[in-house]
Structure formats: C-alpha cells, structure tokens
Protein backbone atom coordinates (compact mmCIF):
# COMPACT_ATOMS: atom_id res chain seq x y z
CA MET A 1 30.71 30.77 9.93
CA LYS A 2 28.43 30.61 12.97
CA LYS A 3 25.37 31.53 10.87
CA LEU A 4 26.25 28.85 8.32
CA THR A 5 26.50 26.21 11.06
CA ILE A 6 23.14 27.25 12.54
CA LEU A 7 21.56 27.18 9.07
CA PHE A 8 22.97 23.70 8.43
CA ILE A 9 21.69 22.37 11.76
CA ALA A 10 18.24 23.91 11.21
CA THR A 11 18.01 22.46 7.68
CA THR A 12 19.06 19.03 8.94
CA LEU A 13 16.44 19.10 11.71
CA VAL A 14 13.68 20.08 9.27
CA ALA A 15 14.72 17.31 6.88
CA LEU A 16 14.77 14.72 9.68
CA ALA A 17 11.35 15.84 10.95
CA SER A 18 9.92 15.61 7.43
CA MET A 19 11.30 12.11 6.89
CA THR A 20 9.93 10.97 10.24
CA ALA A 21 6.47 12.35 9.40
CA ILE A 22 6.48 10.64 6.00
CA ALA A 23 7.73 7.32 7.39
CA GLY A 24 5.16 7.45 10.20
CA ASN A 25 2.21 7.69 7.80
CA ASN A 26 1.84 4.03 6.91
CA GLY A 27 -1.87 4.14 6.25
CA PRO A 28 -4.39 1.97 8.08
CA ALA A 29 -3.23 -1.18 9.86
CA GLU A 30 -6.03 -3.13 8.17
CA ILE A 31 -7.88 -2.59 4.89
CA LYS A 32 -11.26 -4.20 4.22
CA LEU A 33 -12.05 -4.95 0.58
CA SER A 34 -15.73 -5.65 -0.12
CA SER A 35 -16.72 -8.47 -2.45
CA ARG A 36 -19.76 -10.60 -3.24
CA MET A 37 -17.67 -13.68 -2.38
CA GLY A 38 -17.05 -12.24 1.08
CA ASP A 39 -14.98 -9.38 2.42
CA VAL A 40 -11.19 -9.59 2.32
CA ALA A 41 -9.47 -8.24 5.42
CA LEU A 42 -5.97 -7.21 4.34
CA ASN A 43 -3.50 -6.88 7.19
CA HIS A 44 -1.80 -3.80 5.74
CA ALA A 45 0.79 -3.52 8.51
CA GLU A 46 1.93 -7.13 7.98
CA HIS A 47 2.10 -6.67 4.21
CA GLN A 48 4.22 -3.53 4.67
CA GLN A 49 6.76 -5.65 6.54
CA LEU A 50 6.74 -8.37 3.87
CA VAL A 51 6.66 -6.03 0.84
CA PRO A 52 8.76 -2.98 1.74
CA ASP A 53 8.34 -1.24 -1.66
CA CYS A 54 4.89 0.41 -1.65
CA ALA A 55 4.94 0.65 -5.46
CA THR A 56 4.60 -3.14 -5.65
CA CYS A 57 0.91 -2.73 -4.81
CA HIS A 58 0.40 1.03 -5.15
CA HIS A 59 1.67 1.40 -8.71
CA GLU A 60 0.05 4.83 -9.16
CA GLY A 61 1.42 6.13 -5.89
CA LEU A 62 -0.26 6.74 -2.59
CA GLU A 63 -2.23 9.78 -3.74
CA VAL A 64 -4.89 7.66 -5.48
CA ALA A 65 -7.77 7.23 -3.02
CA THR A 66 -8.67 3.65 -3.96
CA CYS A 67 -7.82 1.15 -6.69
CA HIS A 68 -11.46 1.27 -7.84
CA ASN A 69 -11.11 4.95 -8.81
CA CYS A 70 -9.15 3.90 -11.89
CA HIS A 71 -9.59 0.17 -12.31
CA ASP A 72 -13.37 0.14 -12.39
CA THR A 73 -13.92 3.47 -14.17
CA LYS A 74 -11.23 4.14 -16.79
CA THR A 75 -11.74 2.66 -20.24
CA GLY A 76 -9.06 0.15 -21.12
CA SER A 77 -8.05 -0.37 -17.51
CA PHE A 78 -8.19 -3.81 -15.93
CA LYS A 79 -11.02 -4.33 -13.43
CA ALA A 80 -9.96 -4.12 -9.79
CA LYS A 81 -10.97 -7.76 -9.23
CA GLN A 82 -8.57 -8.90 -11.98
CA VAL A 83 -5.77 -6.77 -10.58
CA PHE A 84 -6.25 -7.96 -6.99
CA HIS A 85 -6.42 -11.61 -8.00
CA LYS A 86 -3.32 -11.42 -10.21
CA LEU A 87 -1.22 -9.33 -7.84
CA CYS A 88 -2.23 -11.04 -4.61
CA LYS A 89 -2.37 -14.63 -5.81
CA ASP A 90 0.91 -14.43 -7.74
CA CYS A 91 2.70 -13.04 -4.70
CA HIS A 92 1.01 -15.53 -2.36
CA LYS A 93 2.03 -18.46 -4.60
CA ASN A 94 5.66 -17.35 -4.40
CA ASP A 95 5.61 -16.67 -0.66
CA ALA A 96 3.29 -19.44 0.61
CA GLY A 97 0.34 -17.12 1.28
CA PRO A 98 -3.33 -18.09 0.92
CA THR A 99 -4.47 -18.74 -2.67
CA LYS A 100 -7.88 -20.40 -2.31
CA CYS A 101 -11.05 -18.27 -2.44
CA LYS A 102 -12.31 -18.89 1.11
CA GLU A 103 -8.86 -18.37 2.61
CA CYS A 104 -9.21 -14.64 1.87
CA HIS A 105 -12.92 -14.08 1.20
CA ILE A 106 -14.84 -14.35 4.48
CA LYS A 107 -18.65 -14.05 4.60
C-alpha cells in the first residue's frame, strides 16, 4: 500500500509539473507581422487573455512555425493576407477592436 501511495504522489507531481510547463509556454508577448502597408504589431499576450482558445487563431495547432508556411505556399490554400484580414477584422468588428487599415498597419 505504501508503494502505491508513493507511486500515486510521484505520478501526480509529474503531471502537475508537465501542465505547468505547457501552460507557461505562451509564446512571445508580441508578434510583428510584416506588410507593405506597414507592420502589424500584435499584442499576443493581450489576445491570449481575450481569446482563451488558441485554436481560434492557430487552427493547425502550435507546431506550425508560421501561418505563411501553409497559407502562402500550399496550392488551394487561402493567402495569409486573406486569412489575417478575415479572422482579425471579423473578431474586431464583434469586439470593438480596430478595423481600419492604419489602425493596425503602422509604417
């Protein structure tokens, strides 16, 4: 019985440590998206608070390095610009975020 209790406690501690490590990796606090219209500085930390489900933006998961890896290279895939504009502007319209070009694109 003592060995079972120790095994249970050890397993619980490993699980808690793993969850803490995963939860602590929130990515960069800010993401800069380059564009001819001007760079877009995305406050990633703020968006994580407003949109708690990562899959809302990261539909392919967090393993994909950048959106451009698929959206600007795969045949039949929407261009990244189209995806950003649709996703960001639709959400911003619903939640009173910026929707005009120069509100996000800064030269």
